[in-house]
Amino acid sequence: GSLRLSCAASGRTFSSYTMGWFRQSPGKER
């Protein structure tokens, strides 16, 4: 199947930042 995640930023603009996604499962490193 499929899924779409969103990440909403607030408080400042991140237009000049690198944006990333990480994940972590139980017992494993990020």
PDB file of all heavy atoms in Angstrom:
ATOM      1  N   GLY A   1       0.801  -1.203   0.000  1.00  0.00           N
ATOM      2  CA  GLY A   1       0.000   0.000   0.000  1.00  0.00           C
ATOM      3  C   GLY A   1       0.840   1.262   0.000  1.00  0.00           C
ATOM      4  O   GLY A   1       2.069   1.222  -0.064  1.00  0.00           O
ATOM      5  N   SER A   2       0.151   2.395   0.088  1.00  0.00           N
ATOM      6  CA  SER A   2       0.803   3.699   0.035  1.00  0.00           C
ATOM      7  C   SER A   2       0.364   4.571   1.201  1.00  0.00           C
ATOM      8  O   SER A   2      -0.712   4.395   1.767  1.00  0.00           O
ATOM      9  CB  SER A   2       0.480   4.414  -1.278  1.00  0.00           C
ATOM     10  OG  SER A   2       0.946   3.692  -2.397  1.00  0.00           O
ATOM     11  N   LEU A   3       1.216   5.526   1.517  1.00  0.00           N
ATOM     12  CA  LEU A   3       0.944   6.459   2.598  1.00  0.00           C
ATOM     13  C   LEU A   3       1.723   7.735   2.326  1.00  0.00           C
ATOM     14  O   LEU A   3       2.834   7.683   1.784  1.00  0.00           O
ATOM     15  CB  LEU A   3       1.365   5.852   3.934  1.00  0.00           C
ATOM     16  CG  LEU A   3       0.672   6.320   5.221  1.00  0.00           C
ATOM     17  CD1 LEU A   3      -0.818   6.030   5.172  1.00  0.00           C
ATOM     18  CD2 LEU A   3       1.307   5.635   6.418  1.00  0.00           C
ATOM     19  N   ARG A   4       1.155   8.873   2.684  1.00  0.00           N
ATOM     20  CA  ARG A   4       1.847  10.144   2.521  1.00  0.00           C
ATOM     21  C   ARG A   4       1.982  10.843   3.866  1.00  0.00           C
ATOM     22  O   ARG A   4       0.983  11.092   4.551  1.00  0.00           O
ATOM     23  CB  ARG A   4       1.124  11.073   1.541  1.00  0.00           C
ATOM     24  CG  ARG A   4       1.964  12.307   1.174  1.00  0.00           C
ATOM     25  CD  ARG A   4       1.245  13.276   0.259  1.00  0.00           C
ATOM     26  NE  ARG A   4       0.258  14.077   0.967  1.00  0.00           N
ATOM     27  CZ  ARG A   4      -0.164  15.282   0.579  1.00  0.00           C
ATOM     28  NH1 ARG A   4       0.330  15.813  -0.547  1.00  0.00           N
ATOM     29  NH2 ARG A   4      -1.076  15.931   1.269  1.00  0.00           N
ATOM     30  N   LEU A   5       3.211  11.159   4.230  1.00  0.00           N
ATOM     31  CA  LEU A   5       3.496  11.881   5.450  1.00  0.00           C
ATOM     32  C   LEU A   5       3.713  13.357   5.150  1.00  0.00           C
ATOM     33  O   LEU A   5       4.218  13.717   4.093  1.00  0.00           O
ATOM     34  CB  LEU A   5       4.739  11.323   6.141  1.00  0.00           C
ATOM     35  CG  LEU A   5       4.768   9.822   6.434  1.00  0.00           C
ATOM     36  CD1 LEU A   5       6.046   9.466   7.184  1.00  0.00           C
ATOM     37  CD2 LEU A   5       3.536   9.400   7.223  1.00  0.00           C
ATOM     38  N   SER A   6       3.331  14.200   6.092  1.00  0.00           N
ATOM     39  CA  SER A   6       3.546  15.630   5.973  1.00  0.00           C
ATOM     40  C   SER A   6       4.338  16.125   7.172  1.00  0.00           C
ATOM     41  O   SER A   6       4.222  15.592   8.267  1.00  0.00           O
ATOM     42  CB  SER A   6       2.213  16.380   5.889  1.00  0.00           C
ATOM     43  OG  SER A   6       1.478  16.008   4.749  1.00  0.00           O
ATOM     44  N   CYS A   7       5.131  17.153   6.950  1.00  0.00           N
ATOM     45  CA  CYS A   7       5.894  17.789   8.013  1.00  0.00           C
ATOM     46  C   CYS A   7       5.688  19.286   7.895  1.00  0.00           C
ATOM     47  O   CYS A   7       6.178  19.911   6.950  1.00  0.00           O
ATOM     48  CB  CYS A   7       7.380  17.432   7.905  1.00  0.00           C
ATOM     49  SG  CYS A   7       8.446  18.299   9.080  1.00  0.00           S
ATOM     50  N   ALA A   8       4.959  19.847   8.835  1.00  0.00           N
ATOM     51  CA  ALA A   8       4.652  21.267   8.827  1.00  0.00           C
ATOM     52  C   ALA A   8       5.593  22.009   9.764  1.00  0.00           C
ATOM     53  O   ALA A   8       5.694  21.671  10.941  1.00  0.00           O
ATOM     54  CB  ALA A   8       3.204  21.501   9.241  1.00  0.00           C
ATOM     55  N   ALA A   9       6.264  23.020   9.235  1.00  0.00           N
ATOM     56  CA  ALA A   9       7.185  23.827  10.027  1.00  0.00           C
ATOM     57  C   ALA A   9       6.529  25.142  10.417  1.00  0.00           C
ATOM     58  O   ALA A   9       5.731  25.704   9.663  1.00  0.00           O
ATOM     59  CB  ALA A   9       8.470  24.091   9.250  1.00  0.00           C
ATOM     60  N   SER A  10       6.875  25.635  11.590  1.00  0.00           N
ATOM     61  CA  SER A  10       6.354  26.909  12.069  1.00  0.00           C
ATOM     62  C   SER A  10       7.414  27.619  12.897  1.00  0.00           C
ATOM     63  O   SER A  10       8.392  27.018  13.323  1.00  0.00           O
ATOM     64  CB  SER A  10       5.078  26.703  12.892  1.00  0.00           C
ATOM     65  OG  SER A  10       5.334  25.911  14.043  1.00  0.00           O
ATOM     66  N   GLY A  11       7.209  28.901  13.120  1.00  0.00           N
ATOM     67  CA  GLY A  11       8.129  29.679  13.930  1.00  0.00           C
ATOM     68  C   GLY A  11       9.243  30.345  13.147  1.00  0.00           C
ATOM     69  O   GLY A  11       9.808  31.344  13.605  1.00  0.00           O
ATOM     70  N   ARG A  12       9.565  29.802  12.005  1.00  0.00           N
ATOM     71  CA  ARG A  12      10.582  30.356  11.130  1.00  0.00           C
ATOM     72  C   ARG A  12      10.471  29.691   9.770  1.00  0.00           C
ATOM     73  O   ARG A  12       9.833  28.638   9.636  1.00  0.00           O
ATOM     74  CB  ARG A  12      11.990  30.167  11.700  1.00  0.00           C
ATOM     75  CG  ARG A  12      12.454  28.718  11.749  1.00  0.00           C
ATOM     76  CD  ARG A  12      13.877  28.609  12.258  1.00  0.00           C
ATOM     77  NE  ARG A  12      14.805  29.312  11.393  1.00  0.00           N
ATOM     78  CZ  ARG A  12      16.060  29.615  11.722  1.00  0.00           C
ATOM     79  NH1 ARG A  12      16.524  29.279  12.911  1.00  0.00           N
ATOM     80  NH2 ARG A  12      16.836  30.254  10.858  1.00  0.00           N
ATOM     81  N   THR A  13      11.114  30.268   8.781  1.00  0.00           N
ATOM     82  CA  THR A  13      11.139  29.655   7.471  1.00  0.00           C
ATOM     83  C   THR A  13      12.336  28.713   7.363  1.00  0.00           C
ATOM     84  O   THR A  13      13.417  29.000   7.869  1.00  0.00           O
ATOM     85  CB  THR A  13      11.201  30.705   6.350  1.00  0.00           C
ATOM     86  OG1 THR A  13      11.257  30.045   5.087  1.00  0.00           O
ATOM     87  CG2 THR A  13      12.431  31.592   6.510  1.00  0.00           C
ATOM     88  N   PHE A  14      12.120  27.575   6.727  1.00  0.00           N
ATOM     89  CA  PHE A  14      13.180  26.598   6.507  1.00  0.00           C
ATOM     90  C   PHE A  14      13.518  26.490   5.029  1.00  0.00           C
ATOM     91  O   PHE A  14      14.033  25.465   4.582  1.00  0.00           O
ATOM     92  CB  PHE A  14      12.761  25.231   7.066  1.00  0.00           C
ATOM     93  CG  PHE A  14      12.754  25.164   8.566  1.00  0.00           C
ATOM     94  CD1 PHE A  14      11.611  25.461   9.281  1.00  0.00           C
ATOM     95  CD2 PHE A  14      13.894  24.805   9.258  1.00  0.00           C
ATOM     96  CE1 PHE A  14      11.601  25.408  10.662  1.00  0.00           C
ATOM     97  CE2 PHE A  14      13.898  24.746  10.639  1.00  0.00           C
ATOM     98  CZ  PHE A  14      12.757  25.048  11.347  1.00  0.00           C
ATOM     99  N   SER A  15      13.236  27.542   4.283  1.00  0.00           N
ATOM    100  CA  SER A  15      13.438  27.511   2.843  1.00  0.00           C
ATOM    101  C   SER A  15      14.893  27.310   2.447  1.00  0.00           C
ATOM    102  O   SER A  15      15.172  26.784   1.365  1.00  0.00           O
ATOM    103  CB  SER A  15      12.902  28.790   2.202  1.00  0.00           C
ATOM    104  OG  SER A  15      13.564  29.933   2.710  1.00  0.00           O
ATOM    105  N   SER A  16      15.830  27.720   3.296  1.00  0.00           N
ATOM    106  CA  SER A  16      17.249  27.561   3.002  1.00  0.00           C
ATOM    107  C   SER A  16      17.859  26.348   3.703  1.00  0.00           C
ATOM    108  O   SER A  16      19.068  26.121   3.607  1.00  0.00           O
ATOM    109  CB  SER A  16      18.023  28.822   3.385  1.00  0.00           C
ATOM    110  OG  SER A  16      17.950  29.056   4.777  1.00  0.00           O
ATOM    111  N   TYR A  17      17.051  25.568   4.401  1.00  0.00           N
ATOM    112  CA  TYR A  17      17.503  24.396   5.142  1.00  0.00           C
ATOM    113  C   TYR A  17      17.350  23.129   4.321  1.00  0.00           C
ATOM    114  O   TYR A  17      16.460  23.012   3.479  1.00  0.00           O
ATOM    115  CB  TYR A  17      16.687  24.224   6.429  1.00  0.00           C
ATOM    116  CG  TYR A  17      17.120  25.078   7.593  1.00  0.00           C
ATOM    117  CD1 TYR A  17      17.142  26.458   7.509  1.00  0.00           C
ATOM    118  CD2 TYR A  17      17.480  24.482   8.800  1.00  0.00           C
ATOM    119  CE1 TYR A  17      17.524  27.236   8.585  1.00  0.00           C
ATOM    120  CE2 TYR A  17      17.860  25.251   9.884  1.00  0.00           C
ATOM    121  CZ  TYR A  17      17.879  26.630   9.776  1.00  0.00           C
ATOM    122  OH  TYR A  17      18.242  27.389  10.863  1.00  0.00           O
ATOM    123  N   THR A  18      18.232  22.189   4.587  1.00  0.00           N
ATOM    124  CA  THR A  18      18.014  20.834   4.117  1.00  0.00           C
ATOM    125  C   THR A  18      16.962  20.186   5.007  1.00  0.00           C
ATOM    126  O   THR A  18      17.046  20.280   6.229  1.00  0.00           O
ATOM    127  CB  THR A  18      19.311  20.008   4.170  1.00  0.00           C
ATOM    128  OG1 THR A  18      20.262  20.565   3.254  1.00  0.00           O
ATOM    129  CG2 THR A  18      19.050  18.561   3.792  1.00  0.00           C
ATOM    130  N   MET A  19      15.974  19.549   4.404  1.00  0.00           N
ATOM    131  CA  MET A  19      14.934  18.848   5.151  1.00  0.00           C
ATOM    132  C   MET A  19      15.095  17.355   4.929  1.00  0.00           C
ATOM    133  O   MET A  19      15.334  16.915   3.809  1.00  0.00           O
ATOM    134  CB  MET A  19      13.546  19.296   4.714  1.00  0.00           C
ATOM    135  CG  MET A  19      13.285  20.785   4.872  1.00  0.00           C
ATOM    136  SD  MET A  19      13.379  21.354   6.598  1.00  0.00           S
ATOM    137  CE  MET A  19      12.031  20.428   7.325  1.00  0.00           C
ATOM    138  N   GLY A  20      14.952  16.596   5.998  1.00  0.00           N
ATOM    139  CA  GLY A  20      15.141  15.163   5.892  1.00  0.00           C
ATOM    140  C   GLY A  20      14.104  14.363   6.642  1.00  0.00           C
ATOM    141  O   GLY A  20      13.396  14.884   7.503  1.00  0.00           O
ATOM    142  N   TRP A  21      14.009  13.092   6.278  1.00  0.00           N
ATOM    143  CA  TRP A  21      13.173  12.122   6.978  1.00  0.00           C
ATOM    144  C   TRP A  21      14.060  10.998   7.504  1.00  0.00           C
ATOM    145  O   TRP A  21      14.905  10.470   6.767  1.00  0.00           O
ATOM    146  CB  TRP A  21      12.092  11.533   6.071  1.00  0.00           C
ATOM    147  CG  TRP A  21      10.980  12.477   5.727  1.00  0.00           C
ATOM    148  CD1 TRP A  21      10.875  13.263   4.629  1.00  0.00           C
ATOM    149  CD2 TRP A  21       9.801  12.711   6.508  1.00  0.00           C
ATOM    150  NE1 TRP A  21       9.699  13.981   4.666  1.00  0.00           N
ATOM    151  CE2 TRP A  21       9.025  13.662   5.812  1.00  0.00           C
ATOM    152  CE3 TRP A  21       9.323  12.210   7.723  1.00  0.00           C
ATOM    153  CZ2 TRP A  21       7.794  14.120   6.291  1.00  0.00           C
ATOM    154  CZ3 TRP A  21       8.109  12.670   8.204  1.00  0.00           C
ATOM    155  CH2 TRP A  21       7.368  13.612   7.489  1.00  0.00           C
ATOM    156  N   PHE A  22      13.855  10.645   8.758  1.00  0.00           N
ATOM    157  CA  PHE A  22      14.530   9.532   9.397  1.00  0.00           C
ATOM    158  C   PHE A  22      13.475   8.607   9.979  1.00  0.00           C
ATOM    159  O   PHE A  22      12.319   8.990  10.149  1.00  0.00           O
ATOM    160  CB  PHE A  22      15.468  10.027  10.507  1.00  0.00           C
ATOM    161  CG  PHE A  22      16.643  10.823  10.009  1.00  0.00           C
ATOM    162  CD1 PHE A  22      16.489  12.147   9.624  1.00  0.00           C
ATOM    163  CD2 PHE A  22      17.900  10.251   9.926  1.00  0.00           C
ATOM    164  CE1 PHE A  22      17.562  12.892   9.168  1.00  0.00           C
ATOM    165  CE2 PHE A  22      18.987  10.982   9.471  1.00  0.00           C
ATOM    166  CZ  PHE A  22      18.817  12.303   9.092  1.00  0.00           C
ATOM    167  N   ARG A  23      13.868   7.386  10.289  1.00  0.00           N
ATOM    168  CA  ARG A  23      12.938   6.455  10.914  1.00  0.00           C
ATOM    169  C   ARG A  23      13.662   5.604  11.942  1.00  0.00           C
ATOM    170  O   ARG A  23      14.868   5.392  11.863  1.00  0.00           O
ATOM    171  CB  ARG A  23      12.249   5.571   9.873  1.00  0.00           C
ATOM    172  CG  ARG A  23      13.174   4.604   9.140  1.00  0.00           C
ATOM    173  CD  ARG A  23      12.421   3.905   8.015  1.00  0.00           C
ATOM    174  NE  ARG A  23      13.250   2.919   7.330  1.00  0.00           N
ATOM    175  CZ  ARG A  23      12.882   2.256   6.251  1.00  0.00           C
ATOM    176  NH1 ARG A  23      11.678   2.470   5.717  1.00  0.00           N
ATOM    177  NH2 ARG A  23      13.701   1.376   5.690  1.00  0.00           N
ATOM    178  N   GLN A  24      12.885   5.109  12.900  1.00  0.00           N
ATOM    179  CA  GLN A  24      13.455   4.290  13.954  1.00  0.00           C
ATOM    180  C   GLN A  24      12.461   3.215  14.374  1.00  0.00           C
ATOM    181  O   GLN A  24      11.313   3.512  14.685  1.00  0.00           O
ATOM    182  CB  GLN A  24      13.846   5.146  15.162  1.00  0.00           C
ATOM    183  CG  GLN A  24      14.605   4.391  16.233  1.00  0.00           C
ATOM    184  CD  GLN A  24      15.222   5.323  17.259  1.00  0.00           C
ATOM    185  OE1 GLN A  24      14.774   6.451  17.435  1.00  0.00           O
ATOM    186  NE2 GLN A  24      16.262   4.856  17.926  1.00  0.00           N
ATOM    187  N   SER A  25      12.928   1.970  14.374  1.00  0.00           N
ATOM    188  CA  SER A  25      12.135   0.839  14.816  1.00  0.00           C
ATOM    189  C   SER A  25      12.596   0.425  16.206  1.00  0.00           C
ATOM    190  O   SER A  25      13.731   0.703  16.601  1.00  0.00           O
ATOM    191  CB  SER A  25      12.285  -0.338  13.854  1.00  0.00           C
ATOM    192  OG  SER A  25      11.858   0.010  12.547  1.00  0.00           O
ATOM    193  N   PRO A  26      11.732  -0.253  16.978  1.00  0.00           N
ATOM    194  CA  PRO A  26      12.130  -0.706  18.318  1.00  0.00           C
ATOM    195  C   PRO A  26      13.393  -1.554  18.277  1.00  0.00           C
ATOM    196  O   PRO A  26      13.501  -2.486  17.483  1.00  0.00           O
ATOM    197  CB  PRO A  26      10.924  -1.526  18.777  1.00  0.00           C
ATOM    198  CG  PRO A  26       9.773  -0.934  18.037  1.00  0.00           C
ATOM    199  CD  PRO A  26      10.328  -0.571  16.681  1.00  0.00           C
ATOM    200  N   GLY A  27      14.360  -1.202  19.118  1.00  0.00           N
ATOM    201  CA  GLY A  27      15.600  -1.946  19.197  1.00  0.00           C
ATOM    202  C   GLY A  27      16.623  -1.606  18.136  1.00  0.00           C
ATOM    203  O   GLY A  27      17.698  -2.211  18.110  1.00  0.00           O
ATOM    204  N   LYS A  28      16.313  -0.658  17.261  1.00  0.00           N
ATOM    205  CA  LYS A  28      17.233  -0.280  16.208  1.00  0.00           C
ATOM    206  C   LYS A  28      17.602   1.199  16.320  1.00  0.00           C
ATOM    207  O   LYS A  28      16.897   1.984  16.938  1.00  0.00           O
ATOM    208  CB  LYS A  28      16.629  -0.548  14.831  1.00  0.00           C
ATOM    209  CG  LYS A  28      16.399  -2.021  14.522  1.00  0.00           C
ATOM    210  CD  LYS A  28      15.911  -2.203  13.096  1.00  0.00           C
ATOM    211  CE  LYS A  28      15.745  -3.666  12.748  1.00  0.00           C
ATOM    212  NZ  LYS A  28      15.296  -3.852  11.343  1.00  0.00           N
ATOM    213  N   GLU A  29      18.718   1.554  15.696  1.00  0.00           N
ATOM    214  CA  GLU A  29      19.160   2.939  15.672  1.00  0.00           C
ATOM    215  C   GLU A  29      18.355   3.736  14.651  1.00  0.00           C
ATOM    216  O   GLU A  29      17.811   3.181  13.699  1.00  0.00           O
ATOM    217  CB  GLU A  29      20.650   3.023  15.336  1.00  0.00           C
ATOM    218  CG  GLU A  29      21.560   2.387  16.369  1.00  0.00           C
ATOM    219  CD  GLU A  29      23.021   2.522  16.004  1.00  0.00           C
ATOM    220  OE1 GLU A  29      23.325   2.831  14.838  1.00  0.00           O
ATOM    221  OE2 GLU A  29      23.866   2.333  16.890  1.00  0.00           O
ATOM    222  N   ARG A  30      18.295   5.036  14.880  1.00  0.00           N
ATOM    223  CA  ARG A  30      17.627   5.908  13.929  1.00  0.00           C
ATOM    224  C   ARG A  30      18.398   5.906  12.610  1.00  0.00           C
ATOM    225  O   ARG A  30      19.613   6.064  12.590  1.00  0.00           O
ATOM    226  CB  ARG A  30      17.535   7.323  14.492  1.00  0.00           C
ATOM    227  CG  ARG A  30      16.686   8.272  13.673  1.00  0.00           C
ATOM    228  CD  ARG A  30      16.396   9.555  14.452  1.00  0.00           C
ATOM    229  NE  ARG A  30      15.644   9.276  15.670  1.00  0.00           N
ATOM    230  CZ  ARG A  30      15.153  10.212  16.476  1.00  0.00           C
ATOM    231  NH1 ARG A  30      15.337  11.495  16.187  1.00  0.00           N
ATOM    232  NH2 ARG A  30      14.496   9.867  17.568  1.00  0.00           N
TER     233      ARG A  30
END
